[in-house]
């Protein structure tokens, strides 16, 4: 019997650093700090595509190769951040183009798009996640160039049907881009469901140790969109440092273990608090009560992610109070690291945030689930964590 996809990815990621150094046989590749590369006697490049670090560095290639294979794509590009990766796609558009994005998405990109699109003549409309008719109504045939999907959607964790979104986008001549930061290729491989481009904030789960800022794009085909994004990276200069690329590759070696551990703990936390007297609602696609659970079950394999949100009974101050009373959960922004984090999302996003004021976003790490549950219980003012 052939191995499951998740098992094959475990082998791929565990061997991410085993691209043996041809000079020494080292099983961990060296860091390549050089910024420029000498040519041979015929003035030819000694390695095709490697001439100057902004265009391509040997340090990028192992991580890009692993990501390309993990997502089932034809090419991958590393960037200096997730925002750099995302904005490279939108900056490649010409004035008059149209894009479609969800109403609920990463606030940093949402706010950037609200500024960028009108200033550069790009039309933008939003759709309601989970409502296929809303997405279809928003797409303009022959006009829309990119349909952007984030699933699960941060920080309320709605689910978008990737296959249905791809069908709607392609019918109108648009490309589908999926921000799969939260799912990672361990849980969802969007290209298999019809996506054209997959985006990752590699700062999060791919690195997993809260010590690298990075981004990545994986392309289904080496086409005009790939070349345009590569052009933006080259000329915009949003390149990753060699040491950061090395740290990212190192982090990916344990991706499979970290993601599955976080999934298991997140689900246990959700089951514990789903009917808790101090909790108004638990938002997590792994719960059968979640409106997108059926779609999540179909397009996610091995778990439903390590991210969840708790809506605290009470007002904004009550929610913030819970966050500041935690001891194991760190009150910090970001997600996907080995340490568990909690934050009051509306405070982080600012006064125009659409996030409910009593929502706390949790990034579940690799600590013992029982300890994390006990920590939340004491923060809620409950002494019994049974």
Protein backbone atom coordinates (compact mmCIF):
# COMPACT_ATOMS: atom_id res chain seq x y z
CA UNK A 1 0.00 0.00 0.00
CA UNK A 2 1.49 3.41 -0.96
CA UNK A 3 2.12 5.87 1.90
CA UNK A 4 -0.48 8.53 2.67
CA UNK A 5 0.20 12.05 1.45
CA UNK A 6 0.92 13.24 4.99
CA UNK A 7 3.43 10.42 5.46
CA UNK A 8 5.16 11.23 2.20
CA UNK A 9 5.37 14.87 3.22
CA UNK A 10 6.82 13.87 6.58
CA UNK A 11 9.62 12.11 4.73
CA UNK A 12 10.08 15.07 2.37
CA UNK A 13 10.30 17.65 5.14
CA UNK A 14 12.44 15.52 7.45
CA UNK A 15 14.93 15.17 4.61
CA UNK A 16 14.81 18.87 3.75
CA UNK A 17 18.40 19.40 4.88
CA UNK A 18 19.69 16.17 3.40
CA UNK A 19 20.59 17.72 0.08
CA UNK A 20 24.16 16.73 0.84
CA UNK A 21 26.83 19.36 0.33
CA UNK A 22 28.75 18.08 -2.72
CA UNK A 23 32.01 19.47 -1.33
CA UNK A 24 31.96 17.86 2.10
CA UNK A 25 28.98 15.49 2.22
CA UNK A 26 27.50 17.50 5.11
CA UNK A 27 23.89 16.48 5.73
CA UNK A 28 23.07 20.08 6.71
CA UNK A 29 23.73 22.50 3.86
CA UNK A 30 26.13 25.39 4.47
CA UNK A 31 25.00 28.99 4.70
CA UNK A 32 25.85 30.88 1.50
CA UNK A 33 26.44 34.52 2.47
CA UNK A 34 27.97 35.65 -0.83
CA UNK A 35 26.18 38.45 -2.67
CA UNK A 36 27.93 38.06 -6.03
CA UNK A 37 29.44 35.18 -8.01
CA UNK A 38 32.48 35.02 -10.30
CA UNK A 39 32.27 33.88 -13.92
CA UNK A 40 34.54 31.43 -15.72
CA UNK A 41 37.18 32.14 -18.38
CA UNK A 42 34.47 32.36 -21.06
CA UNK A 43 32.53 34.83 -18.91
CA UNK A 44 29.79 32.27 -18.42
CA UNK A 45 28.05 31.78 -15.09
CA UNK A 46 29.49 28.84 -13.20
CA UNK A 47 25.96 27.93 -12.10
CA UNK A 48 22.99 28.89 -14.24
CA UNK A 49 20.84 31.59 -12.67
CA UNK A 50 23.33 32.41 -9.91
CA UNK A 51 25.01 35.73 -10.56
CA UNK A 52 23.87 38.14 -7.87
CA UNK A 53 22.08 37.41 -4.60
CA UNK A 54 19.06 39.59 -5.32
CA UNK A 55 18.30 37.49 -8.40
CA UNK A 56 19.00 34.13 -6.86
CA UNK A 57 21.10 32.70 -4.06
CA UNK A 58 22.05 29.03 -3.56
CA UNK A 59 20.63 29.41 -0.06
CA UNK A 60 17.11 29.80 -1.49
CA UNK A 61 17.15 26.73 -3.68
CA UNK A 62 16.78 23.92 -1.09
CA UNK A 63 13.83 25.58 0.65
CA UNK A 64 12.17 26.49 -2.65
CA UNK A 65 12.65 22.92 -3.89
CA UNK A 66 11.07 21.41 -0.79
CA UNK A 67 8.10 23.81 -0.90
CA UNK A 68 7.53 23.20 -4.60
CA UNK A 69 7.48 19.45 -4.10
CA UNK A 70 5.35 19.67 -0.95
CA UNK A 71 2.67 21.74 -2.69
CA UNK A 72 2.82 19.83 -5.96
CA UNK A 73 3.73 22.95 -7.91
CA UNK A 74 6.05 23.72 -10.79
CA UNK A 75 8.05 26.51 -9.12
CA UNK A 76 8.47 28.33 -5.83
CA UNK A 77 9.87 31.71 -4.81
CA UNK A 78 11.05 32.83 -1.38
CA UNK A 79 10.48 36.42 -0.27
CA UNK A 80 11.57 38.61 2.63
CA UNK A 81 8.14 38.31 4.28
CA UNK A 82 4.64 37.01 3.71
CA UNK A 83 3.53 40.54 2.87
CA UNK A 84 6.31 40.82 0.29
CA UNK A 85 5.13 37.60 -1.33
CA UNK A 86 1.48 38.67 -1.39
CA UNK A 87 2.08 42.22 -2.59
CA UNK A 88 4.35 41.00 -5.40
CA UNK A 89 1.29 39.42 -7.02
CA UNK A 90 -0.88 42.53 -6.77
CA UNK A 91 1.94 44.85 -7.84
CA UNK A 92 2.26 42.77 -11.01
CA UNK A 93 -1.23 43.83 -12.12
CA UNK A 94 -1.83 46.62 -14.62
CA UNK A 95 -4.18 49.57 -14.02
CA UNK A 96 -7.74 48.59 -14.82
CA UNK A 97 -7.39 45.08 -13.45
CA UNK A 98 -9.85 43.79 -10.88
CA UNK A 99 -9.29 41.59 -7.83
CA UNK A 100 -11.62 39.79 -5.46
CA UNK A 101 -10.73 39.20 -1.80
CA UNK A 102 -12.66 37.93 1.23
CA UNK A 103 -14.12 40.28 3.81
CA UNK A 104 -12.37 38.29 6.54
CA UNK A 105 -8.63 37.95 5.91
CA UNK A 106 -5.24 38.88 7.36
CA UNK A 107 -5.70 42.52 8.35
CA UNK A 108 -2.23 43.64 7.21
CA UNK A 109 -2.90 42.66 3.62
CA UNK A 110 -6.49 43.91 3.76
CA UNK A 111 -5.37 47.36 4.91
CA UNK A 112 -2.58 47.47 2.31
CA UNK A 113 -5.02 46.60 -0.47
CA UNK A 114 -7.41 49.35 0.58
CA UNK A 115 -4.58 51.83 0.07
CA UNK A 116 -2.88 50.25 -2.94
CA UNK A 117 -5.84 49.47 -5.20
CA UNK A 118 -7.38 52.93 -5.60
CA UNK A 119 -4.00 54.62 -5.95
CA UNK A 120 -2.86 52.26 -8.71
CA UNK A 121 -6.14 51.92 -10.56
CA UNK A 122 -6.93 48.35 -9.51
CA UNK A 123 -10.54 47.56 -8.73
CA UNK A 124 -11.29 45.50 -5.63
CA UNK A 125 -14.43 43.85 -4.34
CA UNK A 126 -15.00 41.61 -1.32
CA UNK A 127 -17.08 38.49 -0.83
CA UNK A 128 -18.57 36.68 2.13
CA UNK A 129 -16.62 33.53 2.98
CA UNK A 130 -18.71 30.38 2.85
CA UNK A 131 -21.26 31.90 0.47
CA UNK A 132 -20.46 30.63 -3.01
CA UNK A 133 -23.08 32.86 -4.59
CA UNK A 134 -21.38 35.90 -3.01
CA UNK A 135 -18.07 34.95 -4.60
CA UNK A 136 -19.62 34.34 -8.02
CA UNK A 137 -21.47 37.67 -7.94
CA UNK A 138 -18.27 39.52 -7.08
CA UNK A 139 -16.13 38.09 -9.89
CA UNK A 140 -16.29 40.06 -13.15
CA UNK A 141 -15.88 37.94 -16.23
CA UNK A 142 -12.99 39.09 -18.40
CA UNK A 143 -12.03 41.75 -15.87
CA UNK A 144 -11.07 39.97 -12.65
CA UNK A 145 -7.43 38.88 -12.68
CA UNK A 146 -6.95 37.47 -9.20
CA UNK A 147 -9.30 35.82 -6.75
CA UNK A 148 -7.71 35.71 -3.30
CA UNK A 149 -8.79 33.08 -0.77
CA UNK A 150 -7.57 32.58 2.78
CA UNK A 151 -8.65 29.29 4.32
CA UNK A 152 -8.99 28.86 7.25
CA UNK A 153 -9.54 32.64 7.45
CA UNK A 154 -7.74 34.60 10.15
CA UNK A 155 -8.97 35.21 12.86
CA UNK A 156 -12.51 33.80 12.67
CA UNK A 157 -11.55 30.59 10.84
CA UNK A 158 -14.23 30.46 8.17
CA UNK A 159 -13.60 27.90 5.43
CA UNK A 160 -13.65 28.49 1.69
CA UNK A 161 -14.28 25.65 -0.73
CA UNK A 162 -11.10 25.84 -2.81
CA UNK A 163 -12.40 23.68 -5.66
CA UNK A 164 -15.57 25.75 -6.00
CA UNK A 165 -13.60 29.00 -5.83
CA UNK A 166 -11.22 27.72 -8.52
CA UNK A 167 -14.14 26.80 -10.77
CA UNK A 168 -15.68 30.26 -10.37
CA UNK A 169 -12.37 32.05 -10.94
CA UNK A 170 -11.38 30.02 -13.98
CA UNK A 171 -14.82 30.41 -15.57
CA UNK A 172 -14.21 34.17 -15.57
CA UNK A 173 -10.62 33.92 -16.79
CA UNK A 174 -9.10 34.71 -13.39
CA UNK A 175 -6.40 32.99 -11.35
CA UNK A 176 -7.07 31.62 -7.87
CA UNK A 177 -4.53 32.40 -5.13
CA UNK A 178 -4.83 30.61 -1.79
CA UNK A 179 -3.22 31.89 1.38
CA UNK A 180 -2.55 28.53 3.01
CA UNK A 181 -0.44 29.81 5.89
CA UNK A 182 -2.62 28.23 8.57
CA UNK A 183 -3.27 24.92 6.82
CA UNK A 184 0.27 24.34 5.52
CA UNK A 185 0.83 21.62 2.90
CA UNK A 186 0.58 19.06 5.70
CA UNK A 187 -3.19 19.65 5.92
CA UNK A 188 -4.15 21.13 2.53
CA UNK A 189 -2.50 21.18 -0.88
CA UNK A 190 -4.53 23.87 -2.70
CA UNK A 191 -3.10 23.13 -6.15
CA UNK A 192 -4.67 19.67 -5.97
CA UNK A 193 -8.03 21.41 -5.50
CA UNK A 194 -7.60 23.74 -8.48
CA UNK A 195 -5.61 26.69 -7.12
CA UNK A 196 -3.09 28.38 -9.41
CA UNK A 197 -0.84 29.96 -6.75
CA UNK A 198 -0.29 29.16 -3.08
CA UNK A 199 0.99 31.80 -0.69
CA UNK A 200 2.59 31.24 2.71
CA UNK A 201 3.69 33.57 5.43
CA UNK A 202 6.67 31.31 6.07
CA UNK A 203 7.27 33.25 9.29
CA UNK A 204 4.54 31.10 10.81
CA UNK A 205 4.27 27.30 10.63
CA UNK A 206 6.87 26.67 7.94
CA UNK A 207 9.58 28.14 10.14
CA UNK A 208 7.81 27.34 13.38
CA UNK A 209 10.32 28.82 15.83
CA UNK A 210 9.44 32.54 15.86
CA UNK A 211 12.90 33.54 14.66
CA UNK A 212 12.47 34.17 10.92
CA UNK A 213 10.37 36.59 8.85
CA UNK A 214 9.83 35.07 5.39
CA UNK A 215 7.26 34.50 2.68
CA UNK A 216 6.76 32.10 -0.21
CA UNK A 217 4.77 31.67 -3.40
CA UNK A 218 4.27 28.31 -5.09
CA UNK A 219 3.03 28.27 -8.69
CA UNK A 220 1.09 25.56 -10.46
CA UNK A 221 2.85 26.51 -13.69
CA UNK A 222 5.90 28.49 -14.75
CA UNK A 223 3.86 31.13 -16.55
CA UNK A 224 3.47 34.87 -16.82
CA UNK A 225 2.37 35.21 -13.20
CA UNK A 226 5.48 33.40 -12.02
CA UNK A 227 7.74 35.56 -14.18
CA UNK A 228 6.00 38.74 -13.00
CA UNK A 229 6.40 37.80 -9.32
CA UNK A 230 10.04 36.91 -9.90
CA UNK A 231 10.53 40.28 -11.60
CA UNK A 232 8.98 42.03 -8.59
CA UNK A 233 11.30 40.19 -6.23
CA UNK A 234 14.36 40.99 -8.31
CA UNK A 235 13.65 44.67 -8.91
CA UNK A 236 11.73 45.39 -5.72
CA UNK A 237 14.50 43.80 -3.68
CA UNK A 238 12.23 41.84 -1.31
CA UNK A 239 14.75 39.02 -0.97
CA UNK A 240 15.34 36.75 1.98
CA UNK A 241 18.72 36.76 3.70
CA UNK A 242 20.84 33.58 3.36
CA UNK A 243 20.81 32.92 7.11
CA UNK A 244 17.04 33.33 7.24
CA UNK A 245 16.67 30.90 4.32
CA UNK A 246 18.84 28.43 6.20
CA UNK A 247 16.75 28.82 9.37
CA UNK A 248 13.56 28.36 7.37
CA UNK A 249 14.85 25.13 5.88
CA UNK A 250 15.85 23.92 9.33
CA UNK A 251 12.40 24.72 10.70
CA UNK A 252 10.64 22.82 7.94
CA UNK A 253 12.32 19.59 8.98
CA UNK A 254 9.90 19.29 11.91
CA UNK A 255 6.83 20.81 10.21
CA UNK A 256 4.91 17.53 10.07
CA UNK A 257 5.40 16.78 13.77
CA UNK A 258 4.64 20.32 14.92
CA UNK A 259 1.48 20.72 12.83
CA UNK A 260 -0.06 17.41 13.82
CA UNK A 261 0.74 18.04 17.50
CA UNK A 262 -0.87 21.49 17.32
CA UNK A 263 -3.93 20.08 15.53
CA UNK A 264 -4.45 17.44 18.19
CA UNK A 265 -4.09 19.89 21.07
CA UNK A 266 -6.28 22.55 19.43
CA UNK A 267 -9.11 20.07 18.93
CA UNK A 268 -8.87 18.93 22.56
CA UNK A 269 -8.96 22.52 23.76
CA UNK A 270 -12.00 23.23 21.59
CA UNK A 271 -13.89 20.19 22.83
CA UNK A 272 -13.15 21.21 26.42
CA UNK A 273 -14.39 24.79 26.04
CA UNK A 274 -17.16 24.39 23.44
CA UNK A 275 -19.89 24.40 26.12
CA UNK A 276 -17.95 26.19 28.86
CA UNK A 277 -20.02 28.61 30.97
CA UNK A 278 -17.50 31.44 30.47
CA UNK A 279 -17.27 31.02 26.69
CA UNK A 280 -19.83 32.45 24.27
CA UNK A 281 -18.48 30.55 21.25
CA UNK A 282 -15.52 28.48 20.11
CA UNK A 283 -14.51 28.99 16.48
CA UNK A 284 -12.58 26.09 14.99
CA UNK A 285 -13.23 24.23 11.72
CA UNK A 286 -12.59 20.88 13.40
CA UNK A 287 -15.80 21.16 15.42
CA UNK A 288 -18.90 19.62 13.87
CA UNK A 289 -20.80 22.74 14.95
CA UNK A 290 -18.60 24.88 12.67
CA UNK A 291 -20.56 25.91 9.52
CA UNK A 292 -17.60 25.06 7.29
CA UNK A 293 -16.79 21.72 8.90
CA UNK A 294 -18.01 19.59 5.99
CA UNK A 295 -15.87 21.49 3.49
CA UNK A 296 -12.90 21.47 5.86
CA UNK A 297 -13.24 17.71 6.29
CA UNK A 298 -13.18 17.30 2.52
CA UNK A 299 -10.16 19.51 1.74
CA UNK A 300 -8.09 19.14 4.92
CA UNK A 301 -6.31 15.89 5.75
CA UNK A 302 -4.78 14.94 9.09
CA UNK A 303 -6.27 17.76 11.16
CA UNK A 304 -7.85 21.19 11.12
CA UNK A 305 -4.97 23.40 12.18
CA UNK A 306 -3.53 24.78 15.38
CA UNK A 307 -5.48 28.07 15.31
CA UNK A 308 -8.75 28.75 17.11
CA UNK A 309 -10.65 31.66 18.59
CA UNK A 310 -12.62 31.96 21.82
CA UNK A 311 -15.40 34.50 22.19
CA UNK A 312 -15.45 35.36 25.88
CA UNK A 313 -18.73 36.05 27.63
CA UNK A 314 -18.50 39.72 28.44
CA UNK A 315 -17.06 42.81 26.82
CA UNK A 316 -13.70 43.78 25.38
CA UNK A 317 -12.18 44.37 28.80
CA UNK A 318 -13.25 40.93 29.97
CA UNK A 319 -11.58 39.32 26.96
CA UNK A 320 -8.36 41.29 27.41
CA UNK A 321 -8.33 40.37 31.06
CA UNK A 322 -8.39 36.67 30.23
CA UNK A 323 -5.48 37.11 27.82
CA UNK A 324 -3.33 38.92 30.35
CA UNK A 325 -3.96 36.34 33.07
CA UNK A 326 -2.61 33.40 31.09
CA UNK A 327 0.74 31.96 32.18
CA UNK A 328 1.65 29.40 29.53
CA UNK A 329 0.02 31.23 26.63
CA UNK A 330 2.18 34.24 25.75
CA UNK A 331 0.28 37.45 25.04
CA UNK A 332 1.92 38.15 21.71
CA UNK A 333 1.08 38.57 18.03
CA UNK A 334 1.91 35.94 15.43
CA UNK A 335 1.16 32.25 15.09
CA UNK A 336 2.57 28.87 14.17
CA UNK A 337 5.49 28.72 16.60
CA UNK A 338 6.31 25.97 19.06
CA UNK A 339 5.08 28.23 21.89
CA UNK A 340 1.38 28.92 22.41
CA UNK A 341 0.22 32.51 21.93
CA UNK A 342 -2.96 34.39 22.81
CA UNK A 343 -4.03 37.86 21.73
CA UNK A 344 -6.97 40.20 21.77
CA UNK A 345 -7.26 40.55 18.03
CA UNK A 346 -9.41 43.70 17.83
CA UNK A 347 -6.78 45.64 19.80
CA UNK A 348 -4.05 44.48 17.42
CA UNK A 349 -6.03 45.31 14.28
CA UNK A 350 -7.14 48.74 15.45
CA UNK A 351 -10.37 50.76 15.45
CA UNK A 352 -11.55 49.62 11.99
CA UNK A 353 -11.26 45.92 12.79
CA UNK A 354 -14.30 43.79 11.91
CA UNK A 355 -13.30 41.29 14.60
CA UNK A 356 -15.73 40.87 17.53
CA UNK A 357 -14.45 42.82 20.56
CA UNK A 358 -14.68 39.75 22.82
CA UNK A 359 -12.61 37.49 20.52
CA UNK A 360 -9.31 36.00 21.62
CA UNK A 361 -7.12 34.36 18.98
CA UNK A 362 -5.10 31.36 20.10
CA UNK A 363 -2.11 29.82 18.38
CA UNK A 364 -1.63 26.40 19.95
CA UNK A 365 1.97 25.25 20.24
CA UNK A 366 3.51 21.95 21.22
CA UNK A 367 3.01 22.09 24.99
CA UNK A 368 0.86 19.46 26.72
CA UNK A 369 -2.80 20.06 25.92
CA UNK A 370 -3.77 19.44 29.57
CA UNK A 371 -1.46 22.22 30.71
CA UNK A 372 -2.84 24.64 28.13
CA UNK A 373 -6.42 23.83 29.16
CA UNK A 374 -5.54 24.37 32.82
CA UNK A 375 -3.93 27.69 31.97
CA UNK A 376 -7.06 28.92 30.18
CA UNK A 377 -9.24 27.70 33.03
CA UNK A 378 -7.31 29.68 35.62
CA UNK A 379 -7.29 32.73 33.34
CA UNK A 380 -11.09 32.47 33.10
CA UNK A 381 -11.21 32.43 36.91
CA UNK A 382 -11.90 28.71 37.27
CA UNK A 383 -9.75 26.64 39.59
CA UNK A 384 -10.89 23.24 38.34
CA UNK A 385 -9.42 22.29 34.94
CA UNK A 386 -10.99 18.83 34.85
